[in-house]
Amino acid sequence: MSSAPNHNELPLPDYDHLPLGTLPSRISGLDEQGVAALLEYETQHGNRLPVVQVLQERLDALRQGATPSGSVQQDTPEVSQGHAGSKVSPATSGPPMNPPSHGDPTNPAQPR
C-alpha cells in the first residue's frame, strides 16, 4: 500500500472529527478515488473498525457501479467550531451555598 494522504489532502474537511452517524451521507458525493483516499488514511491513522466498514462498503458499491450522489458538503456544523469544552466559569456559576449545619461544626444551626 502506498503512503496515506496527508490530513490536509483529504476530500472531507475535519474528517477526523466527523461523527460516525454522519459519515455515510458525507461520503455519498465522493467518487471512488475520494473514498479510497479516506479508507487509506483511516487504516493508517485511526483504523476504527466501524469507520473502515462504512468506507469499505461505499467503496465496494462504487466499484459495482454506484454513482456519487449529491455534492460534498464542505461545512461541518456537527463539529464544534471555535470554543471547545465547558462554558462554565466563575462568572457563570451559581451563588455560593452553605453546607448543611449537621456536618460542619463551623456552621451553626439556622433557626427554623
PDB file of N, CA and C in Angstrom:
ATOM      1  N   MET A   1       0.837  -1.181   0.000  1.00  0.00           N
ATOM      2  CA  MET A   1       0.000   0.000   0.000  1.00  0.00           C
ATOM      3  C   MET A   1       0.882   1.245   0.000  1.00  0.00           C
ATOM      4  N   SER A   2       0.517   2.249  -0.749  1.00  0.00           N
ATOM      5  CA  SER A   2       1.293   3.478  -0.768  1.00  0.00           C
ATOM      6  C   SER A   2       1.030   4.277   0.502  1.00  0.00           C
ATOM      7  N   SER A   3       1.788   5.346   0.661  1.00  0.00           N
ATOM      8  CA  SER A   3       1.615   6.142   1.877  1.00  0.00           C
ATOM      9  C   SER A   3       0.248   6.822   1.872  1.00  0.00           C
ATOM     10  N   ALA A   4      -0.316   6.927   3.037  1.00  0.00           N
ATOM     11  CA  ALA A   4      -1.651   7.524   3.186  1.00  0.00           C
ATOM     12  C   ALA A   4      -1.576   9.019   2.895  1.00  0.00           C
ATOM     13  N   PRO A   5      -2.681   9.592   2.406  1.00  0.00           N
ATOM     14  CA  PRO A   5      -2.676  11.037   2.152  1.00  0.00           C
ATOM     15  C   PRO A   5      -2.545  11.822   3.451  1.00  0.00           C
ATOM     16  N   ASN A   6      -2.045  13.017   3.329  1.00  0.00           N
ATOM     17  CA  ASN A   6      -1.924  13.942   4.448  1.00  0.00           C
ATOM     18  C   ASN A   6      -3.324  14.408   4.853  1.00  0.00           C
ATOM     19  N   HIS A   7      -3.500  14.763   6.112  1.00  0.00           N
ATOM     20  CA  HIS A   7      -4.812  15.229   6.602  1.00  0.00           C
ATOM     21  C   HIS A   7      -5.347  16.385   5.764  1.00  0.00           C
ATOM     22  N   ASN A   8      -4.468  17.294   5.352  1.00  0.00           N
ATOM     23  CA  ASN A   8      -4.892  18.461   4.567  1.00  0.00           C
ATOM     24  C   ASN A   8      -5.273  18.099   3.138  1.00  0.00           C
ATOM     25  N   GLU A   9      -4.936  16.889   2.688  1.00  0.00           N
ATOM     26  CA  GLU A   9      -5.245  16.461   1.333  1.00  0.00           C
ATOM     27  C   GLU A   9      -6.543  15.656   1.249  1.00  0.00           C
ATOM     28  N   LEU A  10      -7.193  15.427   2.364  1.00  0.00           N
ATOM     29  CA  LEU A  10      -8.407  14.618   2.381  1.00  0.00           C
ATOM     30  C   LEU A  10      -9.570  15.351   1.719  1.00  0.00           C
ATOM     31  N   PRO A  11     -10.469  14.611   1.071  1.00  0.00           N
ATOM     32  CA  PRO A  11     -11.589  15.251   0.382  1.00  0.00           C
ATOM     33  C   PRO A  11     -12.696  15.755   1.310  1.00  0.00           C
ATOM     34  N   LEU A  12     -12.647  15.430   2.598  1.00  0.00           N
ATOM     35  CA  LEU A  12     -13.639  15.918   3.556  1.00  0.00           C
ATOM     36  C   LEU A  12     -12.954  16.776   4.613  1.00  0.00           C
ATOM     37  N   PRO A  13     -13.436  17.995   4.826  1.00  0.00           N
ATOM     38  CA  PRO A  13     -12.850  18.823   5.880  1.00  0.00           C
ATOM     39  C   PRO A  13     -13.191  18.249   7.251  1.00  0.00           C
ATOM     40  N   ASP A  14     -12.289  18.372   8.188  1.00  0.00           N
ATOM     41  CA  ASP A  14     -12.482  17.890   9.564  1.00  0.00           C
ATOM     42  C   ASP A  14     -12.883  16.422   9.608  1.00  0.00           C
ATOM     43  N   TYR A  15     -12.341  15.624   8.698  1.00  0.00           N
ATOM     44  CA  TYR A  15     -12.699  14.208   8.622  1.00  0.00           C
ATOM     45  C   TYR A  15     -12.544  13.505   9.965  1.00  0.00           C
ATOM     46  N   ASP A  16     -11.453  13.775  10.672  1.00  0.00           N
ATOM     47  CA  ASP A  16     -11.178  13.092  11.938  1.00  0.00           C
ATOM     48  C   ASP A  16     -12.213  13.381  13.016  1.00  0.00           C
ATOM     49  N   HIS A  17     -12.968  14.446  12.868  1.00  0.00           N
ATOM     50  CA  HIS A  17     -13.909  14.852  13.908  1.00  0.00           C
ATOM     51  C   HIS A  17     -15.369  14.621  13.538  1.00  0.00           C
ATOM     52  N   LEU A  18     -15.616  14.067  12.373  1.00  0.00           N
ATOM     53  CA  LEU A  18     -16.998  13.814  11.963  1.00  0.00           C
ATOM     54  C   LEU A  18     -17.581  12.654  12.761  1.00  0.00           C
ATOM     55  N   PRO A  19     -18.802  12.789  13.261  1.00  0.00           N
ATOM     56  CA  PRO A  19     -19.447  11.667  13.947  1.00  0.00           C
ATOM     57  C   PRO A  19     -19.720  10.526  12.966  1.00  0.00           C
ATOM     58  N   LEU A  20     -19.627   9.308  13.449  1.00  0.00           N
ATOM     59  CA  LEU A  20     -19.832   8.138  12.606  1.00  0.00           C
ATOM     60  C   LEU A  20     -21.204   8.164  11.934  1.00  0.00           C
ATOM     61  N   GLY A  21     -22.216   8.646  12.634  1.00  0.00           N
ATOM     62  CA  GLY A  21     -23.570   8.674  12.088  1.00  0.00           C
ATOM     63  C   GLY A  21     -23.717   9.546  10.859  1.00  0.00           C
ATOM     64  N   THR A  22     -22.864  10.547  10.697  1.00  0.00           N
ATOM     65  CA  THR A  22     -22.969  11.427   9.530  1.00  0.00           C
ATOM     66  C   THR A  22     -22.063  10.988   8.386  1.00  0.00           C
ATOM     67  N   LEU A  23     -21.194  10.030   8.633  1.00  0.00           N
ATOM     68  CA  LEU A  23     -20.219   9.631   7.624  1.00  0.00           C
ATOM     69  C   LEU A  23     -20.853   9.107   6.328  1.00  0.00           C
ATOM     70  N   PRO A  24     -21.858   8.215   6.384  1.00  0.00           N
ATOM     71  CA  PRO A  24     -22.434   7.732   5.115  1.00  0.00           C
ATOM     72  C   PRO A  24     -22.972   8.859   4.229  1.00  0.00           C
ATOM     73  N   SER A  25     -23.638   9.832   4.807  1.00  0.00           N
ATOM     74  CA  SER A  25     -24.160  10.924   3.982  1.00  0.00           C
ATOM     75  C   SER A  25     -23.037  11.847   3.512  1.00  0.00           C
ATOM     76  N   ARG A  26     -21.988  11.971   4.301  1.00  0.00           N
ATOM     77  CA  ARG A  26     -20.858  12.821   3.916  1.00  0.00           C
ATOM     78  C   ARG A  26     -20.081  12.243   2.742  1.00  0.00           C
ATOM     79  N   ILE A  27     -19.951  10.920   2.683  1.00  0.00           N
ATOM     80  CA  ILE A  27     -19.146  10.320   1.623  1.00  0.00           C
ATOM     81  C   ILE A  27     -19.962   9.987   0.375  1.00  0.00           C
ATOM     82  N   SER A  28     -21.269  10.189   0.409  1.00  0.00           N
ATOM     83  CA  SER A  28     -22.106   9.819  -0.741  1.00  0.00           C
ATOM     84  C   SER A  28     -21.760  10.612  -1.995  1.00  0.00           C
ATOM     85  N   GLY A  29     -21.219  11.807  -1.859  1.00  0.00           N
ATOM     86  CA  GLY A  29     -20.867  12.613  -3.019  1.00  0.00           C
ATOM     87  C   GLY A  29     -19.457  12.370  -3.527  1.00  0.00           C
ATOM     88  N   LEU A  30     -18.679  11.544  -2.829  1.00  0.00           N
ATOM     89  CA  LEU A  30     -17.305  11.290  -3.235  1.00  0.00           C
ATOM     90  C   LEU A  30     -17.233  10.214  -4.310  1.00  0.00           C
ATOM     91  N   ASP A  31     -16.241  10.333  -5.192  1.00  0.00           N
ATOM     92  CA  ASP A  31     -16.006   9.289  -6.181  1.00  0.00           C
ATOM     93  C   ASP A  31     -15.130   8.196  -5.571  1.00  0.00           C
ATOM     94  N   GLU A  32     -14.836   7.187  -6.360  1.00  0.00           N
ATOM     95  CA  GLU A  32     -14.057   6.043  -5.876  1.00  0.00           C
ATOM     96  C   GLU A  32     -12.694   6.476  -5.342  1.00  0.00           C
ATOM     97  N   GLN A  33     -12.056   7.390  -6.013  1.00  0.00           N
ATOM     98  CA  GLN A  33     -10.734   7.864  -5.590  1.00  0.00           C
ATOM     99  C   GLN A  33     -10.809   8.566  -4.233  1.00  0.00           C
ATOM    100  N   GLY A  34     -11.846   9.366  -4.004  1.00  0.00           N
ATOM    101  CA  GLY A  34     -12.003  10.077  -2.735  1.00  0.00           C
ATOM    102  C   GLY A  34     -12.254   9.138  -1.576  1.00  0.00           C
ATOM    103  N   VAL A  35     -13.130   8.156  -1.779  1.00  0.00           N
ATOM    104  CA  VAL A  35     -13.423   7.187  -0.720  1.00  0.00           C
ATOM    105  C   VAL A  35     -12.191   6.330  -0.446  1.00  0.00           C
ATOM    106  N   ALA A  36     -11.465   5.957  -1.507  1.00  0.00           N
ATOM    107  CA  ALA A  36     -10.247   5.161  -1.332  1.00  0.00           C
ATOM    108  C   ALA A  36      -9.200   5.943  -0.534  1.00  0.00           C
ATOM    109  N   ALA A  37      -9.096   7.246  -0.769  1.00  0.00           N
ATOM    110  CA  ALA A  37      -8.145   8.070  -0.014  1.00  0.00           C
ATOM    111  C   ALA A  37      -8.526   8.113   1.460  1.00  0.00           C
ATOM    112  N   LEU A  38      -9.822   8.262   1.752  1.00  0.00           N
ATOM    113  CA  LEU A  38     -10.268   8.257   3.147  1.00  0.00           C
ATOM    114  C   LEU A  38     -10.002   6.911   3.807  1.00  0.00           C
ATOM    115  N   LEU A  39     -10.266   5.827   3.076  1.00  0.00           N
ATOM    116  CA  LEU A  39     -10.044   4.489   3.624  1.00  0.00           C
ATOM    117  C   LEU A  39      -8.564   4.265   3.916  1.00  0.00           C
ATOM    118  N   GLU A  40      -7.719   4.683   3.023  1.00  0.00           N
ATOM    119  CA  GLU A  40      -6.278   4.529   3.242  1.00  0.00           C
ATOM    120  C   GLU A  40      -5.820   5.359   4.441  1.00  0.00           C
ATOM    121  N   TYR A  41      -6.313   6.597   4.513  1.00  0.00           N
ATOM    122  CA  TYR A  41      -5.963   7.461   5.650  1.00  0.00           C
ATOM    123  C   TYR A  41      -6.436   6.837   6.965  1.00  0.00           C
ATOM    124  N   GLU A  42      -7.661   6.333   6.963  1.00  0.00           N
ATOM    125  CA  GLU A  42      -8.226   5.756   8.181  1.00  0.00           C
ATOM    126  C   GLU A  42      -7.435   4.531   8.629  1.00  0.00           C
ATOM    127  N   THR A  43      -7.086   3.652   7.720  1.00  0.00           N
ATOM    128  CA  THR A  43      -6.357   2.442   8.109  1.00  0.00           C
ATOM    129  C   THR A  43      -4.948   2.770   8.586  1.00  0.00           C
ATOM    130  N   GLN A  44      -4.374   3.851   8.106  1.00  0.00           N
ATOM    131  CA  GLN A  44      -3.035   4.240   8.537  1.00  0.00           C
ATOM    132  C   GLN A  44      -3.035   5.014   9.851  1.00  0.00           C
ATOM    133  N   HIS A  45      -4.157   5.626  10.201  1.00  0.00           N
ATOM    134  CA  HIS A  45      -4.185   6.501  11.385  1.00  0.00           C
ATOM    135  C   HIS A  45      -5.063   5.943  12.499  1.00  0.00           C
ATOM    136  N   GLY A  46      -6.366   6.091  12.399  1.00  0.00           N
ATOM    137  CA  GLY A  46      -7.253   5.660  13.483  1.00  0.00           C
ATOM    138  C   GLY A  46      -7.586   4.178  13.439  1.00  0.00           C
ATOM    139  N   ASN A  47      -7.787   3.669  12.229  1.00  0.00           N
ATOM    140  CA  ASN A  47      -8.161   2.280  11.992  1.00  0.00           C
ATOM    141  C   ASN A  47      -9.356   1.864  12.857  1.00  0.00           C
ATOM    142  N   ARG A  48     -10.376   2.745  12.906  1.00  0.00           N
ATOM    143  CA  ARG A  48     -11.600   2.464  13.664  1.00  0.00           C
ATOM    144  C   ARG A  48     -12.472   1.531  12.840  1.00  0.00           C
ATOM    145  N   LEU A  49     -12.762   0.361  13.375  1.00  0.00           N
ATOM    146  CA  LEU A  49     -13.478  -0.677  12.637  1.00  0.00           C
ATOM    147  C   LEU A  49     -14.805  -0.190  12.052  1.00  0.00           C
ATOM    148  N   PRO A  50     -15.686   0.486  12.817  1.00  0.00           N
ATOM    149  CA  PRO A  50     -16.955   0.927  12.211  1.00  0.00           C
ATOM    150  C   PRO A  50     -16.741   1.893  11.046  1.00  0.00           C
ATOM    151  N   VAL A  51     -15.742   2.752  11.147  1.00  0.00           N
ATOM    152  CA  VAL A  51     -15.465   3.713  10.083  1.00  0.00           C
ATOM    153  C   VAL A  51     -14.915   2.984   8.861  1.00  0.00           C
ATOM    154  N   VAL A  52     -13.996   2.053   9.081  1.00  0.00           N
ATOM    155  CA  VAL A  52     -13.440   1.270   7.976  1.00  0.00           C
ATOM    156  C   VAL A  52     -14.551   0.506   7.262  1.00  0.00           C
ATOM    157  N   GLN A  53     -15.490  -0.046   8.019  1.00  0.00           N
ATOM    158  CA  GLN A  53     -16.590  -0.801   7.413  1.00  0.00           C
ATOM    159  C   GLN A  53     -17.466   0.092   6.540  1.00  0.00           C
ATOM    160  N   VAL A  54     -17.801   1.290   7.032  1.00  0.00           N
ATOM    161  CA  VAL A  54     -18.629   2.220   6.244  1.00  0.00           C
ATOM    162  C   VAL A  54     -17.903   2.601   4.960  1.00  0.00           C
ATOM    163  N   LEU A  55     -16.621   2.928   5.074  1.00  0.00           N
ATOM    164  CA  LEU A  55     -15.852   3.322   3.900  1.00  0.00           C
ATOM    165  C   LEU A  55     -15.697   2.162   2.914  1.00  0.00           C
ATOM    166  N   GLN A  56     -15.435   0.973   3.420  1.00  0.00           N
ATOM    167  CA  GLN A  56     -15.265  -0.191   2.554  1.00  0.00           C
ATOM    168  C   GLN A  56     -16.562  -0.533   1.827  1.00  0.00           C
ATOM    169  N   GLU A  57     -17.696  -0.452   2.530  1.00  0.00           N
ATOM    170  CA  GLU A  57     -18.986  -0.729   1.890  1.00  0.00           C
ATOM    171  C   GLU A  57     -19.274   0.273   0.770  1.00  0.00           C
ATOM    172  N   ARG A  58     -18.971   1.548   1.014  1.00  0.00           N
ATOM    173  CA  ARG A  58     -19.201   2.560  -0.018  1.00  0.00           C
ATOM    174  C   ARG A  58     -18.252   2.355  -1.197  1.00  0.00           C
ATOM    175  N   LEU A  59     -17.011   2.024  -0.911  1.00  0.00           N
ATOM    176  CA  LEU A  59     -16.046   1.786  -1.977  1.00  0.00           C
ATOM    177  C   LEU A  59     -16.468   0.589  -2.821  1.00  0.00           C
ATOM    178  N   ASP A  60     -16.936  -0.474  -2.172  1.00  0.00           N
ATOM    179  CA  ASP A  60     -17.429  -1.642  -2.906  1.00  0.00           C
ATOM    180  C   ASP A  60     -18.627  -1.275  -3.785  1.00  0.00           C
ATOM    181  N   ALA A  61     -19.535  -0.467  -3.246  1.00  0.00           N
ATOM    182  CA  ALA A  61     -20.706  -0.051  -4.020  1.00  0.00           C
ATOM    183  C   ALA A  61     -20.287   0.763  -5.248  1.00  0.00           C
ATOM    184  N   LEU A  62     -19.333   1.657  -5.078  1.00  0.00           N
ATOM    185  CA  LEU A  62     -18.862   2.456  -6.210  1.00  0.00           C
ATOM    186  C   LEU A  62     -18.195   1.571  -7.261  1.00  0.00           C
ATOM    187  N   ARG A  63     -17.454   0.582  -6.823  1.00  0.00           N
ATOM    188  CA  ARG A  63     -16.784  -0.330  -7.761  1.00  0.00           C
ATOM    189  C   ARG A  63     -17.782  -1.216  -8.495  1.00  0.00           C
ATOM    190  N   GLN A  64     -18.966  -1.400  -7.917  1.00  0.00           N
ATOM    191  CA  GLN A  64     -20.002  -2.216  -8.552  1.00  0.00           C
ATOM    192  C   GLN A  64     -20.964  -1.379  -9.396  1.00  0.00           C
ATOM    193  N   GLY A  65     -20.645  -0.095  -9.543  1.00  0.00           N
ATOM    194  CA  GLY A  65     -21.442   0.719 -10.448  1.00  0.00           C
ATOM    195  C   GLY A  65     -22.237   1.845  -9.814  1.00  0.00           C
ATOM    196  N   ALA A  66     -22.225   1.967  -8.515  1.00  0.00           N
ATOM    197  CA  ALA A  66     -22.928   3.089  -7.883  1.00  0.00           C
ATOM    198  C   ALA A  66     -22.269   4.394  -8.314  1.00  0.00           C
ATOM    199  N   THR A  67     -23.061   5.438  -8.375  1.00  0.00           N
ATOM    200  CA  THR A  67     -22.510   6.740  -8.755  1.00  0.00           C
ATOM    201  C   THR A  67     -22.562   7.678  -7.558  1.00  0.00           C
ATOM    202  N   PRO A  68     -21.608   8.604  -7.487  1.00  0.00           N
ATOM    203  CA  PRO A  68     -21.653   9.589  -6.403  1.00  0.00           C
ATOM    204  C   PRO A  68     -22.944  10.389  -6.486  1.00  0.00           C
ATOM    205  N   SER A  69     -23.559  10.628  -5.349  1.00  0.00           N
ATOM    206  CA  SER A  69     -24.822  11.360  -5.327  1.00  0.00           C
ATOM    207  C   SER A  69     -24.663  12.643  -4.541  1.00  0.00           C
ATOM    208  N   GLY A  70     -25.181  13.704  -5.091  1.00  0.00           N
ATOM    209  CA  GLY A  70     -25.111  14.989  -4.410  1.00  0.00           C
ATOM    210  C   GLY A  70     -23.722  15.586  -4.487  1.00  0.00           C
ATOM    211  N   SER A  71     -23.500  16.551  -3.642  1.00  0.00           N
ATOM    212  CA  SER A  71     -22.190  17.205  -3.602  1.00  0.00           C
ATOM    213  C   SER A  71     -21.557  16.966  -2.239  1.00  0.00           C
ATOM    214  N   VAL A  72     -20.279  17.180  -2.168  1.00  0.00           N
ATOM    215  CA  VAL A  72     -19.561  17.015  -0.917  1.00  0.00           C
ATOM    216  C   VAL A  72     -19.757  18.283  -0.096  1.00  0.00           C
ATOM    217  N   GLN A  73     -20.351  18.133   1.064  1.00  0.00           N
ATOM    218  CA  GLN A  73     -20.629  19.266   1.936  1.00  0.00           C
ATOM    219  C   GLN A  73     -19.324  19.719   2.596  1.00  0.00           C
ATOM    220  N   GLN A  74     -18.967  20.973   2.422  1.00  0.00           N
ATOM    221  CA  GLN A  74     -17.695  21.478   2.942  1.00  0.00           C
ATOM    222  C   GLN A  74     -17.800  22.007   4.364  1.00  0.00           C
ATOM    223  N   ASP A  75     -18.984  22.459   4.777  1.00  0.00           N
ATOM    224  CA  ASP A  75     -19.118  22.936   6.149  1.00  0.00           C
ATOM    225  C   ASP A  75     -19.478  21.769   7.057  1.00  0.00           C
ATOM    226  N   THR A  76     -19.043  21.850   8.291  1.00  0.00           N
ATOM    227  CA  THR A  76     -19.267  20.768   9.257  1.00  0.00           C
ATOM    228  C   THR A  76     -19.893  21.326  10.526  1.00  0.00           C
ATOM    229  N   PRO A  77     -21.211  21.575  10.506  1.00  0.00           N
ATOM    230  CA  PRO A  77     -21.850  22.155  11.693  1.00  0.00           C
ATOM    231  C   PRO A  77     -21.835  21.218  12.893  1.00  0.00           C
ATOM    232  N   GLU A  78     -21.735  19.891  12.643  1.00  0.00           N
ATOM    233  CA  GLU A  78     -21.729  18.968  13.767  1.00  0.00           C
ATOM    234  C   GLU A  78     -20.386  18.919  14.479  1.00  0.00           C
ATOM    235  N   VAL A  79     -19.363  19.525  13.888  1.00  0.00           N
ATOM    236  CA  VAL A  79     -18.050  19.604  14.520  1.00  0.00           C
ATOM    237  C   VAL A  79     -17.952  20.953  15.197  1.00  0.00           C
ATOM    238  N   SER A  80     -17.593  20.956  16.460  1.00  0.00           N
ATOM    239  CA  SER A  80     -17.505  22.191  17.232  1.00  0.00           C
ATOM    240  C   SER A  80     -16.493  23.141  16.607  1.00  0.00           C
ATOM    241  N   GLN A  81     -16.954  24.312  16.252  1.00  0.00           N
ATOM    242  CA  GLN A  81     -16.069  25.336  15.702  1.00  0.00           C
ATOM    243  C   GLN A  81     -15.745  26.338  16.796  1.00  0.00           C
ATOM    244  N   GLY A  82     -14.497  26.628  16.977  1.00  0.00           N
ATOM    245  CA  GLY A  82     -14.124  27.648  17.954  1.00  0.00           C
ATOM    246  C   GLY A  82     -13.916  27.067  19.329  1.00  0.00           C
ATOM    247  N   HIS A  83     -14.734  27.480  20.282  1.00  0.00           N
ATOM    248  CA  HIS A  83     -14.547  27.097  21.678  1.00  0.00           C
ATOM    249  C   HIS A  83     -14.888  25.639  21.911  1.00  0.00           C
ATOM    250  N   ALA A  84     -14.005  24.983  22.613  1.00  0.00           N
ATOM    251  CA  ALA A  84     -14.247  23.595  22.972  1.00  0.00           C
ATOM    252  C   ALA A  84     -14.337  23.492  24.484  1.00  0.00           C
ATOM    253  N   GLY A  85     -15.073  22.543  24.958  1.00  0.00           N
ATOM    254  CA  GLY A  85     -15.147  22.323  26.391  1.00  0.00           C
ATOM    255  C   GLY A  85     -16.310  23.049  27.025  1.00  0.00           C
ATOM    256  N   SER A  86     -16.318  23.047  28.325  1.00  0.00           N
ATOM    257  CA  SER A  86     -17.406  23.628  29.100  1.00  0.00           C
ATOM    258  C   SER A  86     -17.347  25.140  29.110  1.00  0.00           C
ATOM    259  N   LYS A  87     -18.505  25.763  29.127  1.00  0.00           N
ATOM    260  CA  LYS A  87     -18.583  27.211  29.200  1.00  0.00           C
ATOM    261  C   LYS A  87     -18.755  27.678  30.645  1.00  0.00           C
ATOM    262  N   VAL A  88     -18.560  26.781  31.595  1.00  0.00           N
ATOM    263  CA  VAL A  88     -18.699  27.130  32.996  1.00  0.00           C
ATOM    264  C   VAL A  88     -17.456  27.899  33.447  1.00  0.00           C
ATOM    265  N   SER A  89     -17.686  28.986  34.148  1.00  0.00           N
ATOM    266  CA  SER A  89     -16.605  29.792  34.707  1.00  0.00           C
ATOM    267  C   SER A  89     -17.129  30.427  35.988  1.00  0.00           C
ATOM    268  N   PRO A  90     -16.271  31.055  36.765  1.00  0.00           N
ATOM    269  CA  PRO A  90     -16.784  31.725  37.965  1.00  0.00           C
ATOM    270  C   PRO A  90     -17.886  32.737  37.642  1.00  0.00           C
ATOM    271  N   ALA A  91     -17.819  33.356  36.487  1.00  0.00           N
ATOM    272  CA  ALA A  91     -18.837  34.340  36.115  1.00  0.00           C
ATOM    273  C   ALA A  91     -20.188  33.681  35.814  1.00  0.00           C
ATOM    274  N   THR A  92     -20.188  32.413  35.397  1.00  0.00           N
ATOM    275  CA  THR A  92     -21.440  31.755  35.051  1.00  0.00           C
ATOM    276  C   THR A  92     -21.914  30.768  36.105  1.00  0.00           C
ATOM    277  N   SER A  93     -21.169  30.626  37.190  1.00  0.00           N
ATOM    278  CA  SER A  93     -21.567  29.671  38.230  1.00  0.00           C
ATOM    279  C   SER A  93     -22.670  30.273  39.105  1.00  0.00           C
ATOM    280  N   GLY A  94     -23.369  29.415  39.816  1.00  0.00           N
ATOM    281  CA  GLY A  94     -24.451  29.857  40.688  1.00  0.00           C
ATOM    282  C   GLY A  94     -23.923  30.485  41.966  1.00  0.00           C
ATOM    283  N   PRO A  95     -24.840  30.935  42.827  1.00  0.00           N
ATOM    284  CA  PRO A  95     -24.417  31.564  44.080  1.00  0.00           C
ATOM    285  C   PRO A  95     -23.791  30.515  45.008  1.00  0.00           C
ATOM    286  N   PRO A  96     -22.902  30.960  45.903  1.00  0.00           N
ATOM    287  CA  PRO A  96     -22.300  30.005  46.833  1.00  0.00           C
ATOM    288  C   PRO A  96     -23.372  29.443  47.763  1.00  0.00           C
ATOM    289  N   MET A  97     -23.203  28.188  48.129  1.00  0.00           N
ATOM    290  CA  MET A  97     -24.178  27.537  49.005  1.00  0.00           C
ATOM    291  C   MET A  97     -23.482  27.091  50.282  1.00  0.00           C
ATOM    292  N   ASN A  98     -24.170  27.227  51.391  1.00  0.00           N
ATOM    293  CA  ASN A  98     -23.634  26.752  52.653  1.00  0.00           C
ATOM    294  C   ASN A  98     -23.910  25.263  52.800  1.00  0.00           C
ATOM    295  N   PRO A  99     -22.957  24.522  53.356  1.00  0.00           N
ATOM    296  CA  PRO A  99     -23.228  23.107  53.593  1.00  0.00           C
ATOM    297  C   PRO A  99     -24.242  22.964  54.720  1.00  0.00           C
ATOM    298  N   PRO A 100     -24.901  21.833  54.811  1.00  0.00           N
ATOM    299  CA  PRO A 100     -25.868  21.651  55.902  1.00  0.00           C
ATOM    300  C   PRO A 100     -25.152  21.731  57.259  1.00  0.00           C
ATOM    301  N   SER A 101     -25.852  22.286  58.243  1.00  0.00           N
ATOM    302  CA  SER A 101     -25.225  22.534  59.545  1.00  0.00           C
ATOM    303  C   SER A 101     -24.914  21.258  60.310  1.00  0.00           C
ATOM    304  N   HIS A 102     -25.582  20.165  60.014  1.00  0.00           N
ATOM    305  CA  HIS A 102     -25.372  18.953  60.789  1.00  0.00           C
ATOM    306  C   HIS A 102     -24.018  18.292  60.527  1.00  0.00           C
ATOM    307  N   GLY A 103     -23.256  18.702  59.522  1.00  0.00           N
ATOM    308  CA  GLY A 103     -21.976  18.070  59.267  1.00  0.00           C
ATOM    309  C   GLY A 103     -20.803  19.015  59.371  1.00  0.00           C
ATOM    310  N   ASP A 104     -21.048  20.296  59.660  1.00  0.00           N
ATOM    311  CA  ASP A 104     -19.975  21.273  59.665  1.00  0.00           C
ATOM    312  C   ASP A 104     -19.999  22.033  60.988  1.00  0.00           C
ATOM    313  N   PRO A 105     -19.025  21.802  61.877  1.00  0.00           N
ATOM    314  CA  PRO A 105     -19.042  22.444  63.190  1.00  0.00           C
ATOM    315  C   PRO A 105     -18.868  23.962  63.119  1.00  0.00           C
ATOM    316  N   THR A 106     -18.345  24.487  62.006  1.00  0.00           N
ATOM    317  CA  THR A 106     -18.175  25.935  61.903  1.00  0.00           C
ATOM    318  C   THR A 106     -19.434  26.648  61.418  1.00  0.00           C
ATOM    319  N   ASN A 107     -20.462  25.887  61.072  1.00  0.00           N
ATOM    320  CA  ASN A 107     -21.705  26.455  60.575  1.00  0.00           C
ATOM    321  C   ASN A 107     -22.802  26.187  61.596  1.00  0.00           C
ATOM    322  N   PRO A 108     -23.136  27.180  62.427  1.00  0.00           N
ATOM    323  CA  PRO A 108     -24.154  26.925  63.440  1.00  0.00           C
ATOM    324  C   PRO A 108     -25.510  26.673  62.834  1.00  0.00           C
ATOM    325  N   ALA A 109     -26.325  25.969  63.559  1.00  0.00           N
ATOM    326  CA  ALA A 109     -27.679  25.649  63.085  1.00  0.00           C
ATOM    327  C   ALA A 109     -28.480  26.919  62.858  1.00  0.00           C
ATOM    328  N   GLN A 110     -29.281  26.900  61.828  1.00  0.00           N
ATOM    329  CA  GLN A 110     -30.113  28.040  61.495  1.00  0.00           C
ATOM    330  C   GLN A 110     -31.480  27.837  62.168  1.00  0.00           C
ATOM    331  N   PRO A 111     -32.050  28.910  62.723  1.00  0.00           N
ATOM    332  CA  PRO A 111     -33.391  28.755  63.309  1.00  0.00           C
ATOM    333  C   PRO A 111     -34.419  28.443  62.230  1.00  0.00           C
ATOM    334  N   ARG A 112     -35.423  27.709  62.626  1.00  0.00           N
ATOM    335  CA  ARG A 112     -36.467  27.334  61.666  1.00  0.00           C
ATOM    336  C   ARG A 112     -37.638  28.241  61.767  1.00  0.00           C
TER     337      ARG A 112
END
